[in-house]
């Protein structure tokens, strides 16, 4: 009887003793679980946004520096239009897939076109030639399609031809694409965007194109060093 009571008391006293054992350091097997506020799911890690480390801007001459800052001003000005155009296109495509009858699709498309034209036409008329060309490139960056092809899809091919012809009169090609891996100015535009995203000057919208900014930076840095030799 005494032994039974002894073991019972020992067991009770042992419970807090076990609970008070200091926390052991984590080994390669054990994972620390993280609770994020507002999330009921235990996580072993936290996903962080990709961070770029930007090098200091270097220019070979004052003229190059001036050219870059003019390009930056124009890029920051027209990017919101390209971003909004991409968003409108996604909304349009999503909505059209839900509309079964073709005549209803055409009717809806015309409404969207009218809305976009009324919303942006006056602002877009204020763009300079170079701003218009940068916008065309950014539309391709955001959608993966040239402005010419988008016009051709939303309107008739004949209308797209005249759009392109009119734009050509002002030295703007609606068929222009965005190639930061091949065209140095396009890389500078991408560099301007990435720096603006990081500084929260522009709202980030990922490109649909397949390229890596970090690799582009290495490529053009090395290429610039070779030219300077």
C-alpha atoms as a PDB file:
ATOM      1  CA  UNK A   1       0.000   0.000   0.000  1.00  0.00           C
ATOM      2  CA  UNK A   2       2.816   2.374   0.951  1.00  0.00           C
ATOM      3  CA  UNK A   3       4.653   1.456  -2.240  1.00  0.00           C
ATOM      4  CA  UNK A   4       1.530   2.177  -4.299  1.00  0.00           C
ATOM      5  CA  UNK A   5       1.098   5.622  -2.688  1.00  0.00           C
ATOM      6  CA  UNK A   6       4.826   6.328  -3.184  1.00  0.00           C
ATOM      7  CA  UNK A   7       4.677   5.537  -6.881  1.00  0.00           C
ATOM      8  CA  UNK A   8       1.479   7.574  -7.238  1.00  0.00           C
ATOM      9  CA  UNK A   9       3.022  10.653  -5.555  1.00  0.00           C
ATOM     10  CA  UNK A  10       6.237  10.186  -7.578  1.00  0.00           C
ATOM     11  CA  UNK A  11       4.229  10.057 -10.802  1.00  0.00           C
ATOM     12  CA  UNK A  12       2.300  13.237  -9.941  1.00  0.00           C
ATOM     13  CA  UNK A  13       5.481  15.111  -9.000  1.00  0.00           C
ATOM     14  CA  UNK A  14       7.145  13.922 -12.187  1.00  0.00           C
ATOM     15  CA  UNK A  15       4.576  15.596 -14.480  1.00  0.00           C
ATOM     16  CA  UNK A  16       5.654  19.229 -13.913  1.00  0.00           C
ATOM     17  CA  UNK A  17       9.262  18.089 -13.812  1.00  0.00           C
ATOM     18  CA  UNK A  18       8.930  16.756 -17.362  1.00  0.00           C
ATOM     19  CA  UNK A  19       7.144  19.910 -18.510  1.00  0.00           C
ATOM     20  CA  UNK A  20       9.922  22.096 -17.112  1.00  0.00           C
ATOM     21  CA  UNK A  21      12.687  20.436 -19.086  1.00  0.00           C
ATOM     22  CA  UNK A  22      14.407  23.234 -21.055  1.00  0.00           C
ATOM     23  CA  UNK A  23      13.673  23.325 -24.777  1.00  0.00           C
ATOM     24  CA  UNK A  24      16.152  21.280 -26.729  1.00  0.00           C
ATOM     25  CA  UNK A  25      17.979  22.803 -29.677  1.00  0.00           C
ATOM     26  CA  UNK A  26      16.598  21.868 -33.075  1.00  0.00           C
ATOM     27  CA  UNK A  27      18.459  19.177 -34.954  1.00  0.00           C
ATOM     28  CA  UNK A  28      18.354  18.283 -38.642  1.00  0.00           C
ATOM     29  CA  UNK A  29      15.222  16.206 -38.118  1.00  0.00           C
ATOM     30  CA  UNK A  30      13.091  18.503 -35.986  1.00  0.00           C
ATOM     31  CA  UNK A  31      11.475  21.527 -37.638  1.00  0.00           C
ATOM     32  CA  UNK A  32      10.278  24.627 -35.844  1.00  0.00           C
ATOM     33  CA  UNK A  33       6.685  25.374 -36.811  1.00  0.00           C
ATOM     34  CA  UNK A  34       5.677  28.981 -37.406  1.00  0.00           C
ATOM     35  CA  UNK A  35       2.233  30.437 -36.766  1.00  0.00           C
ATOM     36  CA  UNK A  36       1.410  33.440 -38.955  1.00  0.00           C
ATOM     37  CA  UNK A  37      -1.167  35.867 -37.593  1.00  0.00           C
ATOM     38  CA  UNK A  38      -4.523  35.337 -39.239  1.00  0.00           C
ATOM     39  CA  UNK A  39      -3.483  31.941 -40.590  1.00  0.00           C
ATOM     40  CA  UNK A  40      -4.588  28.708 -38.868  1.00  0.00           C
ATOM     41  CA  UNK A  41      -2.063  26.589 -40.778  1.00  0.00           C
ATOM     42  CA  UNK A  42       1.251  25.666 -39.171  1.00  0.00           C
ATOM     43  CA  UNK A  43       4.194  26.433 -41.448  1.00  0.00           C
ATOM     44  CA  UNK A  44       7.807  25.328 -41.381  1.00  0.00           C
ATOM     45  CA  UNK A  45       8.935  28.329 -43.426  1.00  0.00           C
ATOM     46  CA  UNK A  46       7.815  31.742 -44.634  1.00  0.00           C
ATOM     47  CA  UNK A  47       7.732  32.614 -48.342  1.00  0.00           C
ATOM     48  CA  UNK A  48       9.535  35.862 -49.058  1.00  0.00           C
ATOM     49  CA  UNK A  49       9.379  37.993 -52.178  1.00  0.00           C
ATOM     50  CA  UNK A  50      12.342  37.834 -54.519  1.00  0.00           C
ATOM     51  CA  UNK A  51      14.804  40.626 -53.777  1.00  0.00           C
ATOM     52  CA  UNK A  52      17.226  42.135 -56.268  1.00  0.00           C
ATOM     53  CA  UNK A  53      20.450  43.849 -55.279  1.00  0.00           C
ATOM     54  CA  UNK A  54      20.935  46.737 -57.655  1.00  0.00           C
ATOM     55  CA  UNK A  55      24.352  47.944 -58.635  1.00  0.00           C
ATOM     56  CA  UNK A  56      25.206  51.614 -58.734  1.00  0.00           C
ATOM     57  CA  UNK A  57      24.328  53.232 -62.023  1.00  0.00           C
ATOM     58  CA  UNK A  58      27.422  54.025 -64.060  1.00  0.00           C
ATOM     59  CA  UNK A  59      27.565  56.050 -67.255  1.00  0.00           C
ATOM     60  CA  UNK A  60      30.342  56.529 -69.765  1.00  0.00           C
ATOM     61  CA  UNK A  61      29.431  60.155 -70.355  1.00  0.00           C
ATOM     62  CA  UNK A  62      27.043  62.904 -69.328  1.00  0.00           C
ATOM     63  CA  UNK A  63      25.129  62.294 -72.554  1.00  0.00           C
ATOM     64  CA  UNK A  64      24.536  58.630 -71.623  1.00  0.00           C
ATOM     65  CA  UNK A  65      23.394  59.672 -68.154  1.00  0.00           C
ATOM     66  CA  UNK A  66      20.975  62.250 -69.564  1.00  0.00           C
ATOM     67  CA  UNK A  67      19.631  59.709 -72.063  1.00  0.00           C
ATOM     68  CA  UNK A  68      18.997  57.177 -69.264  1.00  0.00           C
ATOM     69  CA  UNK A  69      17.103  59.649 -67.070  1.00  0.00           C
ATOM     70  CA  UNK A  70      14.964  60.797 -69.993  1.00  0.00           C
ATOM     71  CA  UNK A  71      14.172  57.141 -70.726  1.00  0.00           C
ATOM     72  CA  UNK A  72      13.308  56.603 -67.049  1.00  0.00           C
ATOM     73  CA  UNK A  73      10.923  59.560 -66.970  1.00  0.00           C
ATOM     74  CA  UNK A  74       9.133  58.334 -70.087  1.00  0.00           C
ATOM     75  CA  UNK A  75       9.006  54.700 -68.891  1.00  0.00           C
ATOM     76  CA  UNK A  76       7.538  55.628 -65.515  1.00  0.00           C
ATOM     77  CA  UNK A  77       4.940  57.754 -67.287  1.00  0.00           C
ATOM     78  CA  UNK A  78       3.627  55.116 -69.714  1.00  0.00           C
ATOM     79  CA  UNK A  79       3.978  51.940 -67.599  1.00  0.00           C
ATOM     80  CA  UNK A  80       0.603  52.402 -65.809  1.00  0.00           C
ATOM     81  CA  UNK A  81      -1.149  52.423 -69.211  1.00  0.00           C
ATOM     82  CA  UNK A  82       0.544  49.156 -70.242  1.00  0.00           C
ATOM     83  CA  UNK A  83      -0.304  47.587 -66.887  1.00  0.00           C
ATOM     84  CA  UNK A  84      -3.943  48.620 -67.147  1.00  0.00           C
ATOM     85  CA  UNK A  85      -4.139  47.431 -70.756  1.00  0.00           C
ATOM     86  CA  UNK A  86      -2.902  43.989 -69.658  1.00  0.00           C
ATOM     87  CA  UNK A  87      -5.451  43.878 -66.834  1.00  0.00           C
ATOM     88  CA  UNK A  88      -8.276  44.876 -69.184  1.00  0.00           C
ATOM     89  CA  UNK A  89      -7.198  42.197 -71.666  1.00  0.00           C
ATOM     90  CA  UNK A  90      -7.253  39.498 -68.981  1.00  0.00           C
ATOM     91  CA  UNK A  91     -10.689  40.653 -67.817  1.00  0.00           C
ATOM     92  CA  UNK A  92     -11.934  40.681 -71.398  1.00  0.00           C
ATOM     93  CA  UNK A  93     -10.663  37.182 -72.168  1.00  0.00           C
ATOM     94  CA  UNK A  94     -12.058  35.792 -68.900  1.00  0.00           C
ATOM     95  CA  UNK A  95     -15.450  37.336 -69.546  1.00  0.00           C
ATOM     96  CA  UNK A  96     -15.621  36.222 -73.173  1.00  0.00           C
ATOM     97  CA  UNK A  97     -14.976  32.581 -72.238  1.00  0.00           C
ATOM     98  CA  UNK A  98     -18.070  32.739 -70.039  1.00  0.00           C
ATOM     99  CA  UNK A  99     -20.246  34.099 -72.866  1.00  0.00           C
ATOM    100  CA  UNK A 100     -21.432  31.267 -75.104  1.00  0.00           C
ATOM    101  CA  UNK A 101     -23.052  33.103 -78.029  1.00  0.00           C
ATOM    102  CA  UNK A 102     -20.655  34.776 -80.486  1.00  0.00           C
ATOM    103  CA  UNK A 103     -22.906  37.767 -81.107  1.00  0.00           C
ATOM    104  CA  UNK A 104     -22.985  38.419 -77.366  1.00  0.00           C
ATOM    105  CA  UNK A 105     -19.204  38.112 -77.292  1.00  0.00           C
ATOM    106  CA  UNK A 106     -18.889  40.718 -80.077  1.00  0.00           C
ATOM    107  CA  UNK A 107     -21.340  43.018 -78.329  1.00  0.00           C
ATOM    108  CA  UNK A 108     -19.406  42.744 -75.063  1.00  0.00           C
ATOM    109  CA  UNK A 109     -16.059  43.285 -76.831  1.00  0.00           C
ATOM    110  CA  UNK A 110     -17.347  46.489 -78.458  1.00  0.00           C
ATOM    111  CA  UNK A 111     -18.466  47.798 -75.063  1.00  0.00           C
ATOM    112  CA  UNK A 112     -15.008  47.149 -73.605  1.00  0.00           C
ATOM    113  CA  UNK A 113     -13.327  48.785 -76.606  1.00  0.00           C
ATOM    114  CA  UNK A 114     -15.512  51.860 -76.258  1.00  0.00           C
ATOM    115  CA  UNK A 115     -14.784  52.041 -72.539  1.00  0.00           C
ATOM    116  CA  UNK A 116     -11.011  51.783 -73.078  1.00  0.00           C
ATOM    117  CA  UNK A 117     -11.046  54.375 -75.857  1.00  0.00           C
ATOM    118  CA  UNK A 118     -13.077  56.826 -73.793  1.00  0.00           C
ATOM    119  CA  UNK A 119     -10.903  56.194 -70.744  1.00  0.00           C
ATOM    120  CA  UNK A 120      -7.492  56.565 -72.375  1.00  0.00           C
ATOM    121  CA  UNK A 121      -7.788  58.207 -75.790  1.00  0.00           C
ATOM    122  CA  UNK A 122      -7.273  61.767 -74.579  1.00  0.00           C
ATOM    123  CA  UNK A 123      -4.357  60.805 -72.335  1.00  0.00           C
ATOM    124  CA  UNK A 124      -2.675  58.703 -75.010  1.00  0.00           C
ATOM    125  CA  UNK A 125      -2.912  61.569 -77.503  1.00  0.00           C
ATOM    126  CA  UNK A 126      -0.630  63.559 -75.205  1.00  0.00           C
ATOM    127  CA  UNK A 127       2.190  61.022 -75.494  1.00  0.00           C
ATOM    128  CA  UNK A 128       5.276  61.868 -77.513  1.00  0.00           C
ATOM    129  CA  UNK A 129       6.591  59.577 -80.247  1.00  0.00           C
ATOM    130  CA  UNK A 130       9.168  57.937 -77.990  1.00  0.00           C
ATOM    131  CA  UNK A 131       6.639  57.552 -75.156  1.00  0.00           C
ATOM    132  CA  UNK A 132       4.233  55.885 -77.582  1.00  0.00           C
ATOM    133  CA  UNK A 133       6.925  53.476 -78.743  1.00  0.00           C
ATOM    134  CA  UNK A 134       7.894  52.603 -75.166  1.00  0.00           C
ATOM    135  CA  UNK A 135       4.201  51.971 -74.428  1.00  0.00           C
ATOM    136  CA  UNK A 136       3.984  49.572 -77.380  1.00  0.00           C
ATOM    137  CA  UNK A 137       7.015  47.685 -76.045  1.00  0.00           C
ATOM    138  CA  UNK A 138       5.577  47.525 -72.528  1.00  0.00           C
ATOM    139  CA  UNK A 139       2.237  46.251 -73.825  1.00  0.00           C
ATOM    140  CA  UNK A 140       4.178  43.365 -75.371  1.00  0.00           C
ATOM    141  CA  UNK A 141       6.024  42.885 -72.052  1.00  0.00           C
ATOM    142  CA  UNK A 142       2.746  42.636 -70.160  1.00  0.00           C
ATOM    143  CA  UNK A 143       0.663  40.623 -72.641  1.00  0.00           C
ATOM    144  CA  UNK A 144       3.108  38.723 -74.846  1.00  0.00           C
ATOM    145  CA  UNK A 145       1.340  40.142 -77.890  1.00  0.00           C
ATOM    146  CA  UNK A 146       2.174  43.138 -80.067  1.00  0.00           C
ATOM    147  CA  UNK A 147      -0.174  46.102 -80.071  1.00  0.00           C
ATOM    148  CA  UNK A 148      -0.808  45.341 -83.758  1.00  0.00           C
ATOM    149  CA  UNK A 149      -1.944  41.772 -82.977  1.00  0.00           C
ATOM    150  CA  UNK A 150      -4.167  42.968 -80.138  1.00  0.00           C
ATOM    151  CA  UNK A 151      -5.855  45.474 -82.437  1.00  0.00           C
ATOM    152  CA  UNK A 152      -6.174  42.763 -85.073  1.00  0.00           C
ATOM    153  CA  UNK A 153      -7.854  40.423 -82.583  1.00  0.00           C
ATOM    154  CA  UNK A 154     -10.218  42.987 -81.126  1.00  0.00           C
ATOM    155  CA  UNK A 155     -10.995  44.645 -84.436  1.00  0.00           C
ATOM    156  CA  UNK A 156     -10.570  43.633 -88.058  1.00  0.00           C
ATOM    157  CA  UNK A 157      -7.233  42.989 -89.756  1.00  0.00           C
ATOM    158  CA  UNK A 158      -7.954  45.909 -92.088  1.00  0.00           C
ATOM    159  CA  UNK A 159      -8.373  48.268 -89.125  1.00  0.00           C
ATOM    160  CA  UNK A 160      -5.117  46.970 -87.640  1.00  0.00           C
ATOM    161  CA  UNK A 161      -3.338  47.707 -90.928  1.00  0.00           C
ATOM    162  CA  UNK A 162      -4.456  51.317 -90.847  1.00  0.00           C
ATOM    163  CA  UNK A 163      -3.600  51.651 -87.177  1.00  0.00           C
ATOM    164  CA  UNK A 164      -0.079  50.469 -87.963  1.00  0.00           C
ATOM    165  CA  UNK A 165       0.199  52.714 -91.049  1.00  0.00           C
ATOM    166  CA  UNK A 166      -0.907  55.770 -89.072  1.00  0.00           C
ATOM    167  CA  UNK A 167       1.491  54.957 -86.247  1.00  0.00           C
ATOM    168  CA  UNK A 168       4.346  54.540 -88.745  1.00  0.00           C
ATOM    169  CA  UNK A 169       3.801  58.107 -89.918  1.00  0.00           C
ATOM    170  CA  UNK A 170       4.828  59.170 -86.430  1.00  0.00           C
ATOM    171  CA  UNK A 171       7.778  56.736 -86.327  1.00  0.00           C
ATOM    172  CA  UNK A 172       5.871  54.295 -84.110  1.00  0.00           C
ATOM    173  CA  UNK A 173       5.557  50.627 -84.987  1.00  0.00           C
ATOM    174  CA  UNK A 174       2.666  48.742 -83.407  1.00  0.00           C
ATOM    175  CA  UNK A 175       4.519  45.542 -84.280  1.00  0.00           C
ATOM    176  CA  UNK A 176       7.430  46.414 -81.969  1.00  0.00           C
ATOM    177  CA  UNK A 177       8.361  43.772 -79.411  1.00  0.00           C
ATOM    178  CA  UNK A 178      10.252  43.849 -76.134  1.00  0.00           C
ATOM    179  CA  UNK A 179      13.638  42.076 -76.100  1.00  0.00           C
ATOM    180  CA  UNK A 180      15.697  43.027 -73.019  1.00  0.00           C
ATOM    181  CA  UNK A 181      18.001  40.100 -73.762  1.00  0.00           C
ATOM    182  CA  UNK A 182      18.918  41.465 -77.205  1.00  0.00           C
ATOM    183  CA  UNK A 183      18.235  45.213 -77.231  1.00  0.00           C
ATOM    184  CA  UNK A 184      20.156  47.345 -74.757  1.00  0.00           C
ATOM    185  CA  UNK A 185      17.461  50.030 -74.524  1.00  0.00           C
ATOM    186  CA  UNK A 186      14.890  47.341 -73.670  1.00  0.00           C
ATOM    187  CA  UNK A 187      17.176  46.112 -70.905  1.00  0.00           C
ATOM    188  CA  UNK A 188      17.431  49.667 -69.566  1.00  0.00           C
ATOM    189  CA  UNK A 189      13.626  49.875 -69.555  1.00  0.00           C
ATOM    190  CA  UNK A 190      13.454  46.616 -67.577  1.00  0.00           C
ATOM    191  CA  UNK A 191      16.116  47.907 -65.192  1.00  0.00           C
ATOM    192  CA  UNK A 192      14.117  51.110 -64.675  1.00  0.00           C
ATOM    193  CA  UNK A 193      10.982  49.082 -63.928  1.00  0.00           C
ATOM    194  CA  UNK A 194      12.705  46.746 -61.466  1.00  0.00           C
ATOM    195  CA  UNK A 195      14.227  49.657 -59.545  1.00  0.00           C
ATOM    196  CA  UNK A 196      10.841  51.416 -59.481  1.00  0.00           C
ATOM    197  CA  UNK A 197       9.125  48.233 -58.228  1.00  0.00           C
ATOM    198  CA  UNK A 198      11.696  47.851 -55.458  1.00  0.00           C
ATOM    199  CA  UNK A 199      11.253  51.494 -54.426  1.00  0.00           C
ATOM    200  CA  UNK A 200       7.423  51.121 -54.552  1.00  0.00           C
ATOM    201  CA  UNK A 201       7.196  53.883 -57.165  1.00  0.00           C
ATOM    202  CA  UNK A 202       5.275  51.522 -59.442  1.00  0.00           C
ATOM    203  CA  UNK A 203       2.963  48.633 -58.649  1.00  0.00           C
ATOM    204  CA  UNK A 204       4.679  45.430 -59.716  1.00  0.00           C
ATOM    205  CA  UNK A 205       3.199  43.405 -62.539  1.00  0.00           C
ATOM    206  CA  UNK A 206       5.307  40.488 -63.699  1.00  0.00           C
ATOM    207  CA  UNK A 207       6.149  40.159 -67.363  1.00  0.00           C
ATOM    208  CA  UNK A 208       4.667  37.211 -69.239  1.00  0.00           C
ATOM    209  CA  UNK A 209       7.940  36.908 -71.160  1.00  0.00           C
ATOM    210  CA  UNK A 210      10.550  34.321 -70.279  1.00  0.00           C
ATOM    211  CA  UNK A 211      13.698  36.077 -69.068  1.00  0.00           C
ATOM    212  CA  UNK A 212      15.559  36.547 -65.806  1.00  0.00           C
ATOM    213  CA  UNK A 213      16.450  40.098 -64.780  1.00  0.00           C
ATOM    214  CA  UNK A 214      19.486  39.042 -62.738  1.00  0.00           C
ATOM    215  CA  UNK A 215      20.941  37.129 -65.686  1.00  0.00           C
ATOM    216  CA  UNK A 216      20.227  40.071 -67.975  1.00  0.00           C
ATOM    217  CA  UNK A 217      22.093  42.397 -65.621  1.00  0.00           C
ATOM    218  CA  UNK A 218      25.133  40.116 -65.617  1.00  0.00           C
ATOM    219  CA  UNK A 219      25.037  39.826 -69.388  1.00  0.00           C
ATOM    220  CA  UNK A 220      24.853  43.544 -70.091  1.00  0.00           C
ATOM    221  CA  UNK A 221      27.400  44.375 -67.370  1.00  0.00           C
ATOM    222  CA  UNK A 222      29.913  41.980 -68.898  1.00  0.00           C
ATOM    223  CA  UNK A 223      29.062  43.195 -72.390  1.00  0.00           C
ATOM    224  CA  UNK A 224      29.613  46.806 -71.291  1.00  0.00           C
ATOM    225  CA  UNK A 225      33.008  45.961 -69.815  1.00  0.00           C
ATOM    226  CA  UNK A 226      34.100  44.300 -73.063  1.00  0.00           C
ATOM    227  CA  UNK A 227      33.117  47.361 -75.080  1.00  0.00           C
ATOM    228  CA  UNK A 228      34.992  49.702 -72.758  1.00  0.00           C
ATOM    229  CA  UNK A 229      38.256  47.797 -73.233  1.00  0.00           C
END
